[in-house]
Each structure stands twice: as C-alpha cells, then as structure tokens.
Amino acid sequence: MSEERYVSLAEVKEMLETESAKRELTPEQKLSLDHASKFAKIEVKKARKLREELCEIDFIAPAMAAKIVDLMPTHVEDVRILFTKERLVLDKKQIEQILKLVEKYL
C-alpha cells in the first residue's frame, strides 16, 4: 500500500496532466483534472514551496497546509474559518504569520 500524503490542487492538476499524457484518464480523473484546473490558484512550484514552508510552522499539520495552499486566504477571518474544526485557537500573531506566507506567493 502506498503512503498517504497531502497535496494541493495545483499538484493534483500536474499529476493528472502527466498521467493523461501516458494514457486515457477515467471519467473520475477527468472531472478531478477539470476541478483542479479551475480552482488551483497558484502554479505547482509555488504551491509546493508554500506547502513546505507552512509545514515548518509547528501548529500547522500537513493536511491544513494543503488546504491553506488551495484556498490562499487573504483575511484574518478566512484563516479563522479554516481552523474552526481544529482543537487549536490561533492568536493574531499566528494568523498574521500564515497571511504573510500566503501573501508572499500571490
């Protein structure tokens, strides 16, 4: 069984485009590629780098880092909404740290 890892929509798009060059995609894969193409907000290299930088922050899990890259929040409330289901309440300094990183890649 393969290892589980979290990737951004930009990375999903790249993976599916690579796969489509090799063979015909399944209908589900075609829908996923269409979705990723429409909603990926930054290019794959930037997405990978941002996800890596977010994972270096001790309070951000890999799954949350991928979600932040997908949504690219620009406001304090956007970040708070992302963390509502987490058992962590972010302070203003932590939110600003996330927003500064995201802003660097916009």
N, C-alpha and C. Protein backbone atom coordinates (compact mmCIF):
# COMPACT_ATOMS: atom_id res chain seq x y z
N MET A 1 0.84 -1.18 0.00
CA MET A 1 0.00 0.00 0.00
C MET A 1 0.89 1.25 0.00
N SER A 2 0.47 2.27 -0.73
CA SER A 2 1.28 3.48 -0.82
C SER A 2 1.08 4.36 0.41
N GLU A 3 2.07 5.20 0.66
CA GLU A 3 1.98 6.08 1.81
C GLU A 3 1.01 7.22 1.54
N GLU A 4 0.39 7.70 2.60
CA GLU A 4 -0.56 8.79 2.48
C GLU A 4 0.18 10.11 2.58
N ARG A 5 -0.17 11.05 1.69
CA ARG A 5 0.40 12.38 1.74
C ARG A 5 -0.63 13.37 1.24
N TYR A 6 -0.49 14.58 1.66
CA TYR A 6 -1.43 15.63 1.29
C TYR A 6 -0.80 16.52 0.22
N VAL A 7 -1.58 16.80 -0.81
CA VAL A 7 -1.10 17.63 -1.91
C VAL A 7 -2.13 18.71 -2.21
N SER A 8 -1.67 19.76 -2.83
CA SER A 8 -2.55 20.87 -3.20
C SER A 8 -3.23 20.57 -4.54
N LEU A 9 -4.22 21.37 -4.88
CA LEU A 9 -4.90 21.21 -6.16
C LEU A 9 -3.94 21.41 -7.33
N ALA A 10 -2.99 22.31 -7.19
CA ALA A 10 -2.01 22.53 -8.26
C ALA A 10 -1.20 21.26 -8.51
N GLU A 11 -0.86 20.55 -7.42
CA GLU A 11 -0.10 19.31 -7.56
C GLU A 11 -0.97 18.20 -8.15
N VAL A 12 -2.25 18.16 -7.77
CA VAL A 12 -3.18 17.19 -8.35
C VAL A 12 -3.29 17.43 -9.85
N LYS A 13 -3.42 18.68 -10.23
CA LYS A 13 -3.51 19.04 -11.64
C LYS A 13 -2.29 18.53 -12.40
N GLU A 14 -1.10 18.78 -11.85
CA GLU A 14 0.13 18.33 -12.51
C GLU A 14 0.17 16.81 -12.63
N MET A 15 -0.20 16.11 -11.56
CA MET A 15 -0.19 14.64 -11.59
C MET A 15 -1.14 14.10 -12.65
N LEU A 16 -2.33 14.67 -12.72
CA LEU A 16 -3.32 14.18 -13.69
C LEU A 16 -2.92 14.55 -15.12
N GLU A 17 -2.32 15.70 -15.32
CA GLU A 17 -1.84 16.06 -16.66
C GLU A 17 -0.74 15.11 -17.11
N THR A 18 0.15 14.77 -16.20
CA THR A 18 1.22 13.81 -16.51
C THR A 18 0.63 12.45 -16.87
N GLU A 19 -0.34 12.04 -16.09
CA GLU A 19 -0.99 10.74 -16.33
C GLU A 19 -1.76 10.74 -17.65
N SER A 20 -2.39 11.86 -17.99
CA SER A 20 -3.17 11.92 -19.23
C SER A 20 -2.27 11.86 -20.46
N ALA A 21 -1.01 12.25 -20.31
CA ALA A 21 -0.06 12.15 -21.43
C ALA A 21 0.31 10.69 -21.69
N LYS A 22 0.21 9.86 -20.66
CA LYS A 22 0.57 8.45 -20.78
C LYS A 22 -0.59 7.59 -21.25
N ARG A 23 -1.80 7.90 -20.77
CA ARG A 23 -2.96 7.07 -21.09
C ARG A 23 -4.24 7.86 -20.94
N GLU A 24 -5.34 7.27 -21.35
CA GLU A 24 -6.66 7.88 -21.22
C GLU A 24 -7.07 7.91 -19.75
N LEU A 25 -7.55 9.06 -19.30
CA LEU A 25 -8.00 9.18 -17.92
C LEU A 25 -9.40 8.60 -17.75
N THR A 26 -9.68 8.12 -16.56
CA THR A 26 -11.03 7.64 -16.25
C THR A 26 -11.95 8.86 -16.14
N PRO A 27 -13.26 8.66 -16.22
CA PRO A 27 -14.17 9.81 -16.07
C PRO A 27 -13.97 10.56 -14.75
N GLU A 28 -13.71 9.84 -13.66
CA GLU A 28 -13.47 10.48 -12.37
C GLU A 28 -12.20 11.33 -12.40
N GLN A 29 -11.17 10.80 -13.05
CA GLN A 29 -9.92 11.55 -13.16
C GLN A 29 -10.10 12.79 -14.03
N LYS A 30 -10.90 12.67 -15.09
CA LYS A 30 -11.16 13.83 -15.94
C LYS A 30 -11.89 14.93 -15.15
N LEU A 31 -12.86 14.53 -14.34
CA LEU A 31 -13.57 15.50 -13.51
C LEU A 31 -12.63 16.15 -12.50
N SER A 32 -11.75 15.34 -11.92
CA SER A 32 -10.78 15.86 -10.95
C SER A 32 -9.82 16.84 -11.62
N LEU A 33 -9.38 16.52 -12.82
CA LEU A 33 -8.48 17.41 -13.56
C LEU A 33 -9.19 18.72 -13.89
N ASP A 34 -10.45 18.63 -14.31
CA ASP A 34 -11.23 19.84 -14.60
C ASP A 34 -11.37 20.71 -13.36
N HIS A 35 -11.69 20.09 -12.24
CA HIS A 35 -11.83 20.82 -10.98
C HIS A 35 -10.51 21.48 -10.57
N ALA A 36 -9.44 20.71 -10.62
CA ALA A 36 -8.12 21.25 -10.24
C ALA A 36 -7.70 22.38 -11.17
N SER A 37 -7.99 22.26 -12.44
CA SER A 37 -7.64 23.31 -13.40
C SER A 37 -8.39 24.61 -13.11
N LYS A 38 -9.64 24.48 -12.70
CA LYS A 38 -10.45 25.67 -12.44
C LYS A 38 -10.10 26.35 -11.12
N PHE A 39 -9.73 25.55 -10.11
CA PHE A 39 -9.61 26.12 -8.76
C PHE A 39 -8.20 26.22 -8.20
N ALA A 40 -7.20 25.69 -8.87
CA ALA A 40 -5.82 25.86 -8.41
C ALA A 40 -5.45 27.33 -8.60
N LYS A 41 -5.05 27.98 -7.52
CA LYS A 41 -4.84 29.43 -7.55
C LYS A 41 -3.41 29.84 -7.88
N ILE A 42 -2.45 28.93 -7.70
CA ILE A 42 -1.05 29.27 -8.00
C ILE A 42 -0.41 28.10 -8.74
N GLU A 43 0.72 28.36 -9.35
CA GLU A 43 1.41 27.31 -10.10
C GLU A 43 2.01 26.27 -9.15
N VAL A 44 2.30 25.11 -9.67
CA VAL A 44 2.68 23.96 -8.85
C VAL A 44 3.97 24.18 -8.06
N LYS A 45 4.97 24.83 -8.65
CA LYS A 45 6.23 25.06 -7.92
C LYS A 45 6.00 25.94 -6.70
N LYS A 46 5.23 27.00 -6.88
CA LYS A 46 4.92 27.88 -5.76
C LYS A 46 4.07 27.15 -4.71
N ALA A 47 3.14 26.32 -5.17
CA ALA A 47 2.27 25.58 -4.25
C ALA A 47 3.09 24.63 -3.38
N ARG A 48 4.03 23.92 -3.99
CA ARG A 48 4.89 23.01 -3.23
C ARG A 48 5.72 23.77 -2.19
N LYS A 49 6.31 24.85 -2.63
CA LYS A 49 7.17 25.64 -1.74
C LYS A 49 6.37 26.21 -0.57
N LEU A 50 5.19 26.76 -0.87
CA LEU A 50 4.35 27.31 0.19
C LEU A 50 3.91 26.22 1.16
N ARG A 51 3.51 25.06 0.63
CA ARG A 51 3.09 23.94 1.50
C ARG A 51 4.24 23.52 2.41
N GLU A 52 5.45 23.45 1.87
CA GLU A 52 6.62 23.09 2.68
C GLU A 52 6.87 24.12 3.78
N GLU A 53 6.78 25.40 3.43
CA GLU A 53 7.00 26.45 4.42
C GLU A 53 5.93 26.44 5.50
N LEU A 54 4.69 26.17 5.11
CA LEU A 54 3.62 26.09 6.10
C LEU A 54 3.81 24.89 7.03
N CYS A 55 4.28 23.78 6.50
CA CYS A 55 4.51 22.59 7.33
C CYS A 55 5.63 22.81 8.35
N GLU A 56 6.53 23.73 8.08
CA GLU A 56 7.61 24.04 9.02
C GLU A 56 7.10 24.77 10.27
N ILE A 57 5.92 25.37 10.16
CA ILE A 57 5.32 26.05 11.31
C ILE A 57 4.74 24.97 12.21
N ASP A 58 5.10 24.98 13.47
CA ASP A 58 4.78 23.87 14.37
C ASP A 58 3.29 23.61 14.59
N PHE A 59 2.42 24.58 14.44
CA PHE A 59 1.00 24.37 14.70
C PHE A 59 0.18 24.03 13.45
N ILE A 60 0.84 23.88 12.30
CA ILE A 60 0.12 23.57 11.06
C ILE A 60 0.45 22.14 10.61
N ALA A 61 -0.59 21.31 10.55
CA ALA A 61 -0.46 19.92 10.10
C ALA A 61 -0.38 19.90 8.57
N PRO A 62 0.17 18.83 7.98
CA PRO A 62 0.26 18.74 6.52
C PRO A 62 -1.08 18.90 5.80
N ALA A 63 -2.13 18.32 6.37
CA ALA A 63 -3.46 18.44 5.74
C ALA A 63 -3.92 19.89 5.72
N MET A 64 -3.68 20.60 6.81
CA MET A 64 -4.07 22.01 6.89
C MET A 64 -3.22 22.86 5.95
N ALA A 65 -1.95 22.53 5.82
CA ALA A 65 -1.07 23.26 4.91
C ALA A 65 -1.58 23.15 3.47
N ALA A 66 -1.98 21.95 3.07
CA ALA A 66 -2.53 21.75 1.72
C ALA A 66 -3.81 22.54 1.53
N LYS A 67 -4.65 22.58 2.55
CA LYS A 67 -5.91 23.33 2.47
C LYS A 67 -5.64 24.82 2.35
N ILE A 68 -4.67 25.32 3.10
CA ILE A 68 -4.31 26.74 3.03
C ILE A 68 -3.81 27.08 1.62
N VAL A 69 -2.99 26.21 1.04
CA VAL A 69 -2.47 26.45 -0.31
C VAL A 69 -3.62 26.46 -1.31
N ASP A 70 -4.58 25.57 -1.16
CA ASP A 70 -5.72 25.53 -2.08
C ASP A 70 -6.57 26.78 -2.01
N LEU A 71 -6.79 27.28 -0.80
CA LEU A 71 -7.70 28.41 -0.62
C LEU A 71 -7.01 29.77 -0.65
N MET A 72 -5.71 29.81 -0.34
CA MET A 72 -4.93 31.05 -0.35
C MET A 72 -5.68 32.19 0.37
N PRO A 73 -5.91 32.03 1.68
CA PRO A 73 -6.67 33.05 2.42
C PRO A 73 -5.92 34.38 2.47
N THR A 74 -6.69 35.47 2.42
CA THR A 74 -6.09 36.80 2.42
C THR A 74 -6.56 37.66 3.59
N HIS A 75 -7.49 37.14 4.38
CA HIS A 75 -8.04 37.89 5.51
C HIS A 75 -7.98 37.05 6.78
N VAL A 76 -7.94 37.73 7.90
CA VAL A 76 -7.88 37.07 9.21
C VAL A 76 -9.04 36.10 9.38
N GLU A 77 -10.23 36.53 9.02
CA GLU A 77 -11.42 35.66 9.18
C GLU A 77 -11.34 34.40 8.30
N ASP A 78 -10.73 34.52 7.14
CA ASP A 78 -10.56 33.34 6.27
C ASP A 78 -9.72 32.28 6.98
N VAL A 79 -8.66 32.70 7.64
CA VAL A 79 -7.79 31.77 8.36
C VAL A 79 -8.53 31.18 9.55
N ARG A 80 -9.24 32.02 10.28
CA ARG A 80 -10.00 31.52 11.44
C ARG A 80 -10.99 30.44 11.03
N ILE A 81 -11.67 30.65 9.90
CA ILE A 81 -12.65 29.68 9.41
C ILE A 81 -11.97 28.35 9.11
N LEU A 82 -10.78 28.39 8.53
CA LEU A 82 -10.07 27.15 8.23
C LEU A 82 -9.76 26.34 9.48
N PHE A 83 -9.52 27.01 10.57
CA PHE A 83 -9.13 26.33 11.81
C PHE A 83 -10.29 26.08 12.77
N THR A 84 -11.53 26.31 12.34
CA THR A 84 -12.66 26.14 13.26
C THR A 84 -12.83 24.71 13.76
N LYS A 85 -12.50 23.73 12.96
CA LYS A 85 -12.66 22.33 13.39
C LYS A 85 -11.43 21.78 14.10
N GLU A 86 -10.38 22.55 14.13
CA GLU A 86 -9.17 22.13 14.84
C GLU A 86 -9.34 22.40 16.33
N ARG A 87 -8.59 21.71 17.12
CA ARG A 87 -8.64 21.93 18.57
C ARG A 87 -7.62 22.99 18.98
N LEU A 88 -7.47 23.95 18.14
CA LEU A 88 -6.47 24.99 18.34
C LEU A 88 -7.10 26.34 18.02
N VAL A 89 -6.97 27.27 18.90
CA VAL A 89 -7.43 28.63 18.66
C VAL A 89 -6.18 29.47 18.38
N LEU A 90 -6.12 30.02 17.18
CA LEU A 90 -4.95 30.79 16.79
C LEU A 90 -5.02 32.20 17.35
N ASP A 91 -3.88 32.71 17.76
CA ASP A 91 -3.84 34.11 18.18
C ASP A 91 -3.52 34.97 16.95
N LYS A 92 -3.61 36.26 17.11
CA LYS A 92 -3.41 37.19 15.99
C LYS A 92 -2.03 37.04 15.35
N LYS A 93 -1.01 36.80 16.17
CA LYS A 93 0.35 36.66 15.66
C LYS A 93 0.48 35.43 14.75
N GLN A 94 -0.15 34.33 15.13
CA GLN A 94 -0.10 33.11 14.32
C GLN A 94 -0.85 33.31 12.99
N ILE A 95 -1.98 33.96 13.06
CA ILE A 95 -2.76 34.23 11.84
C ILE A 95 -1.96 35.13 10.90
N GLU A 96 -1.34 36.16 11.45
CA GLU A 96 -0.53 37.07 10.63
C GLU A 96 0.65 36.33 9.98
N GLN A 97 1.21 35.38 10.71
CA GLN A 97 2.32 34.58 10.16
C GLN A 97 1.85 33.81 8.93
N ILE A 98 0.68 33.22 8.99
CA ILE A 98 0.11 32.47 7.86
C ILE A 98 -0.18 33.43 6.71
N LEU A 99 -0.81 34.55 6.99
CA LEU A 99 -1.17 35.51 5.94
C LEU A 99 0.06 36.08 5.24
N LYS A 100 1.13 36.33 5.98
CA LYS A 100 2.37 36.83 5.38
C LYS A 100 2.96 35.80 4.42
N LEU A 101 2.95 34.54 4.81
CA LEU A 101 3.46 33.49 3.93
C LEU A 101 2.62 33.40 2.66
N VAL A 102 1.31 33.40 2.81
CA VAL A 102 0.42 33.31 1.64
C VAL A 102 0.63 34.51 0.73
N GLU A 103 0.72 35.69 1.31
CA GLU A 103 0.90 36.91 0.52
C GLU A 103 2.18 36.87 -0.32
N LYS A 104 3.19 36.23 0.22
CA LYS A 104 4.47 36.11 -0.48
C LYS A 104 4.32 35.36 -1.81
N TYR A 105 3.32 34.48 -1.91
CA TYR A 105 3.15 33.64 -3.10
C TYR A 105 2.01 34.09 -4.01
N LEU A 106 1.34 35.16 -3.66
CA LEU A 106 0.26 35.66 -4.52
C LEU A 106 0.79 36.51 -5.65
